[in-house]
Amino acid sequence: MPDRRLIFLLNVAQRRLQRYLAAQRPKGGVTPSQTGLLFVLGKRDGVLMSEAGAALDLGMPGISGLADRMVEAGLIAKRADPDDGRA
């Protein structure tokens, strides 16, 4: 069984790093979550929302909101899948 203290400390470190990066970000700059999605799209342009959400460990509401904010910021464009009207 993994050492629970190590897992706890890794989680604390992750949250502190995220707060630090958010504080260092220039106003209007790209957030860490947005950067993650840009990396996913850099590997595979046109990835489905469900696949992007899985890669970032986000549910559909989370990835949908993130993508919508990025579209509004002009960082990405959404396009419909020609083979599947739902995607």
N, C-alpha and C. Protein backbone atom coordinates (compact mmCIF):
# COMPACT_ATOMS: atom_id res chain seq x y z
N MET A 1 0.85 -1.18 0.00
CA MET A 1 0.00 0.00 0.00
C MET A 1 0.90 1.25 0.00
N PRO A 2 0.61 2.21 -0.88
CA PRO A 2 1.45 3.40 -0.94
C PRO A 2 1.36 4.21 0.36
N ASP A 3 2.41 4.92 0.61
CA ASP A 3 2.45 5.77 1.80
C ASP A 3 1.45 6.92 1.61
N ARG A 4 0.43 6.95 2.44
CA ARG A 4 -0.62 7.98 2.31
C ARG A 4 -0.06 9.38 2.52
N ARG A 5 0.95 9.50 3.35
CA ARG A 5 1.54 10.82 3.58
C ARG A 5 2.18 11.36 2.29
N LEU A 6 2.85 10.50 1.55
CA LEU A 6 3.46 10.92 0.29
C LEU A 6 2.39 11.41 -0.68
N ILE A 7 1.30 10.68 -0.78
CA ILE A 7 0.21 11.08 -1.68
C ILE A 7 -0.37 12.42 -1.24
N PHE A 8 -0.57 12.58 0.06
CA PHE A 8 -1.08 13.84 0.60
C PHE A 8 -0.13 14.99 0.24
N LEU A 9 1.16 14.80 0.46
CA LEU A 9 2.13 15.86 0.19
C LEU A 9 2.23 16.18 -1.30
N LEU A 10 2.08 15.18 -2.16
CA LEU A 10 2.06 15.45 -3.60
C LEU A 10 0.84 16.29 -3.98
N ASN A 11 -0.30 16.00 -3.38
CA ASN A 11 -1.51 16.79 -3.65
C ASN A 11 -1.34 18.22 -3.17
N VAL A 12 -0.78 18.41 -2.00
CA VAL A 12 -0.53 19.75 -1.47
C VAL A 12 0.42 20.51 -2.40
N ALA A 13 1.49 19.85 -2.83
CA ALA A 13 2.46 20.49 -3.72
C ALA A 13 1.80 20.89 -5.04
N GLN A 14 0.95 20.04 -5.57
CA GLN A 14 0.27 20.36 -6.82
C GLN A 14 -0.61 21.60 -6.67
N ARG A 15 -1.38 21.66 -5.59
CA ARG A 15 -2.25 22.83 -5.37
C ARG A 15 -1.44 24.11 -5.20
N ARG A 16 -0.34 24.02 -4.46
CA ARG A 16 0.51 25.21 -4.26
C ARG A 16 1.13 25.66 -5.57
N LEU A 17 1.58 24.72 -6.38
CA LEU A 17 2.16 25.07 -7.67
C LEU A 17 1.11 25.72 -8.58
N GLN A 18 -0.10 25.19 -8.58
CA GLN A 18 -1.16 25.79 -9.39
C GLN A 18 -1.46 27.22 -8.94
N ARG A 19 -1.51 27.44 -7.62
CA ARG A 19 -1.76 28.80 -7.11
C ARG A 19 -0.61 29.73 -7.49
N TYR A 20 0.62 29.24 -7.38
CA TYR A 20 1.78 30.05 -7.73
C TYR A 20 1.74 30.44 -9.21
N LEU A 21 1.47 29.46 -10.07
CA LEU A 21 1.43 29.74 -11.51
C LEU A 21 0.30 30.71 -11.85
N ALA A 22 -0.83 30.56 -11.20
CA ALA A 22 -1.95 31.47 -11.44
C ALA A 22 -1.58 32.90 -11.03
N ALA A 23 -0.84 33.05 -9.93
CA ALA A 23 -0.44 34.38 -9.46
C ALA A 23 0.61 35.01 -10.39
N GLN A 24 1.42 34.19 -11.06
CA GLN A 24 2.46 34.69 -11.95
C GLN A 24 1.94 35.03 -13.35
N ARG A 25 0.75 34.55 -13.65
CA ARG A 25 0.20 34.72 -14.99
C ARG A 25 -0.16 36.18 -15.23
N PRO A 26 0.29 36.74 -16.35
CA PRO A 26 -0.10 38.12 -16.67
C PRO A 26 -1.61 38.20 -16.91
N LYS A 27 -2.18 39.35 -16.62
CA LYS A 27 -3.62 39.52 -16.81
C LYS A 27 -3.98 39.22 -18.26
N GLY A 28 -4.95 38.34 -18.43
CA GLY A 28 -5.37 37.94 -19.77
C GLY A 28 -4.52 36.83 -20.36
N GLY A 29 -3.55 36.31 -19.58
CA GLY A 29 -2.70 35.23 -20.07
C GLY A 29 -3.41 33.89 -20.04
N VAL A 30 -2.78 32.90 -20.58
CA VAL A 30 -3.34 31.56 -20.65
C VAL A 30 -3.20 30.87 -19.29
N THR A 31 -4.28 30.25 -18.83
CA THR A 31 -4.28 29.55 -17.54
C THR A 31 -3.63 28.18 -17.69
N PRO A 32 -3.26 27.56 -16.56
CA PRO A 32 -2.71 26.20 -16.65
C PRO A 32 -3.68 25.21 -17.30
N SER A 33 -4.97 25.32 -17.02
CA SER A 33 -5.94 24.41 -17.65
C SER A 33 -6.00 24.63 -19.16
N GLN A 34 -5.97 25.89 -19.57
CA GLN A 34 -5.98 26.19 -20.99
C GLN A 34 -4.71 25.67 -21.67
N THR A 35 -3.59 25.79 -20.98
CA THR A 35 -2.33 25.27 -21.50
C THR A 35 -2.43 23.76 -21.72
N GLY A 36 -3.06 23.06 -20.77
CA GLY A 36 -3.24 21.63 -20.90
C GLY A 36 -4.02 21.27 -22.15
N LEU A 37 -5.11 21.99 -22.38
CA LEU A 37 -5.92 21.70 -23.57
C LEU A 37 -5.15 22.03 -24.84
N LEU A 38 -4.36 23.09 -24.82
CA LEU A 38 -3.55 23.42 -25.99
C LEU A 38 -2.53 22.32 -26.28
N PHE A 39 -1.95 21.72 -25.23
CA PHE A 39 -1.04 20.59 -25.43
C PHE A 39 -1.77 19.41 -26.06
N VAL A 40 -2.97 19.12 -25.56
CA VAL A 40 -3.76 18.01 -26.11
C VAL A 40 -4.05 18.27 -27.59
N LEU A 41 -4.46 19.49 -27.91
CA LEU A 41 -4.78 19.83 -29.30
C LEU A 41 -3.52 19.86 -30.17
N GLY A 42 -2.38 20.18 -29.57
CA GLY A 42 -1.12 20.17 -30.31
C GLY A 42 -0.73 18.77 -30.75
N LYS A 43 -1.09 17.80 -29.94
CA LYS A 43 -0.80 16.41 -30.31
C LYS A 43 -1.79 15.89 -31.33
N ARG A 44 -3.04 16.32 -31.20
CA ARG A 44 -4.08 15.80 -32.10
C ARG A 44 -5.14 16.87 -32.32
N ASP A 45 -4.99 17.62 -33.38
CA ASP A 45 -5.96 18.65 -33.72
C ASP A 45 -7.29 17.99 -34.07
N GLY A 46 -8.37 18.55 -33.62
CA GLY A 46 -9.68 18.01 -33.92
C GLY A 46 -10.12 16.91 -32.98
N VAL A 47 -9.47 16.80 -31.82
CA VAL A 47 -9.83 15.78 -30.84
C VAL A 47 -11.27 16.01 -30.36
N LEU A 48 -11.97 14.94 -30.08
CA LEU A 48 -13.34 15.05 -29.57
C LEU A 48 -13.31 15.60 -28.15
N MET A 49 -14.37 16.28 -27.76
CA MET A 49 -14.45 16.87 -26.42
C MET A 49 -14.29 15.79 -25.36
N SER A 50 -14.90 14.64 -25.55
CA SER A 50 -14.80 13.57 -24.55
C SER A 50 -13.37 13.08 -24.41
N GLU A 51 -12.64 13.01 -25.52
CA GLU A 51 -11.24 12.58 -25.48
C GLU A 51 -10.36 13.62 -24.81
N ALA A 52 -10.61 14.89 -25.10
CA ALA A 52 -9.85 15.97 -24.46
C ALA A 52 -10.13 15.98 -22.96
N GLY A 53 -11.39 15.79 -22.59
CA GLY A 53 -11.74 15.74 -21.17
C GLY A 53 -11.07 14.59 -20.46
N ALA A 54 -11.01 13.44 -21.11
CA ALA A 54 -10.36 12.27 -20.51
C ALA A 54 -8.87 12.53 -20.34
N ALA A 55 -8.24 13.18 -21.32
CA ALA A 55 -6.81 13.46 -21.24
C ALA A 55 -6.49 14.43 -20.10
N LEU A 56 -7.43 15.33 -19.80
CA LEU A 56 -7.22 16.32 -18.74
C LEU A 56 -7.91 15.94 -17.44
N ASP A 57 -8.53 14.77 -17.41
CA ASP A 57 -9.26 14.29 -16.22
C ASP A 57 -10.39 15.24 -15.86
N LEU A 58 -11.14 15.68 -16.87
CA LEU A 58 -12.29 16.56 -16.68
C LEU A 58 -13.54 15.86 -17.20
N GLY A 59 -14.64 16.08 -16.52
CA GLY A 59 -15.93 15.58 -16.99
C GLY A 59 -16.43 16.46 -18.12
N MET A 60 -17.54 16.08 -18.71
CA MET A 60 -18.09 16.84 -19.83
C MET A 60 -18.41 18.30 -19.47
N PRO A 61 -19.02 18.56 -18.30
CA PRO A 61 -19.26 19.98 -17.98
C PRO A 61 -17.96 20.78 -17.86
N GLY A 62 -16.92 20.17 -17.30
CA GLY A 62 -15.65 20.87 -17.13
C GLY A 62 -14.95 21.17 -18.44
N ILE A 63 -14.87 20.18 -19.32
CA ILE A 63 -14.18 20.39 -20.60
C ILE A 63 -15.00 21.30 -21.49
N SER A 64 -16.32 21.21 -21.39
CA SER A 64 -17.19 22.06 -22.19
C SER A 64 -17.01 23.53 -21.80
N GLY A 65 -17.00 23.79 -20.50
CA GLY A 65 -16.81 25.16 -20.02
C GLY A 65 -15.44 25.69 -20.39
N LEU A 66 -14.41 24.85 -20.22
CA LEU A 66 -13.05 25.26 -20.57
C LEU A 66 -12.96 25.60 -22.05
N ALA A 67 -13.50 24.74 -22.89
CA ALA A 67 -13.46 24.98 -24.34
C ALA A 67 -14.24 26.24 -24.70
N ASP A 68 -15.39 26.45 -24.09
CA ASP A 68 -16.19 27.66 -24.38
C ASP A 68 -15.42 28.93 -24.01
N ARG A 69 -14.74 28.91 -22.85
CA ARG A 69 -13.96 30.08 -22.44
C ARG A 69 -12.80 30.32 -23.40
N MET A 70 -12.20 29.23 -23.89
CA MET A 70 -11.09 29.38 -24.82
C MET A 70 -11.55 29.87 -26.19
N VAL A 71 -12.74 29.47 -26.60
CA VAL A 71 -13.30 29.98 -27.85
C VAL A 71 -13.55 31.48 -27.71
N GLU A 72 -14.13 31.89 -26.58
CA GLU A 72 -14.40 33.32 -26.33
C GLU A 72 -13.10 34.12 -26.31
N ALA A 73 -12.02 33.54 -25.81
CA ALA A 73 -10.73 34.23 -25.74
C ALA A 73 -9.99 34.18 -27.08
N GLY A 74 -10.54 33.47 -28.06
CA GLY A 74 -9.91 33.37 -29.37
C GLY A 74 -8.72 32.42 -29.41
N LEU A 75 -8.64 31.51 -28.43
CA LEU A 75 -7.52 30.57 -28.37
C LEU A 75 -7.75 29.32 -29.22
N ILE A 76 -8.99 28.90 -29.34
CA ILE A 76 -9.32 27.72 -30.13
C ILE A 76 -10.60 27.99 -30.92
N ALA A 77 -10.89 27.12 -31.84
CA ALA A 77 -12.15 27.17 -32.58
C ALA A 77 -12.80 25.80 -32.47
N LYS A 78 -14.10 25.80 -32.27
CA LYS A 78 -14.85 24.54 -32.27
C LYS A 78 -15.39 24.32 -33.67
N ARG A 79 -15.40 23.07 -34.07
CA ARG A 79 -16.04 22.75 -35.34
C ARG A 79 -16.77 21.43 -35.20
N ALA A 80 -17.84 21.33 -35.95
CA ALA A 80 -18.68 20.12 -35.91
C ALA A 80 -18.00 18.97 -36.65
N ASP A 81 -18.24 17.77 -36.18
CA ASP A 81 -17.75 16.57 -36.85
C ASP A 81 -18.68 16.30 -38.02
N PRO A 82 -18.15 16.25 -39.24
CA PRO A 82 -19.04 16.04 -40.40
C PRO A 82 -19.71 14.67 -40.41
N ASP A 83 -19.13 13.69 -39.71
CA ASP A 83 -19.69 12.35 -39.68
C ASP A 83 -20.66 12.12 -38.53
N ASP A 84 -20.62 12.98 -37.52
CA ASP A 84 -21.46 12.80 -36.34
C ASP A 84 -21.97 14.17 -35.89
N GLY A 85 -23.25 14.41 -36.11
CA GLY A 85 -23.85 15.70 -35.78
C GLY A 85 -23.80 16.04 -34.30
N ARG A 86 -23.62 15.04 -33.45
CA ARG A 86 -23.58 15.30 -32.00
C ARG A 86 -22.21 15.78 -31.56
N ALA A 87 -21.19 15.52 -32.35
CA ALA A 87 -19.81 15.84 -31.93
C ALA A 87 -19.34 17.15 -32.53
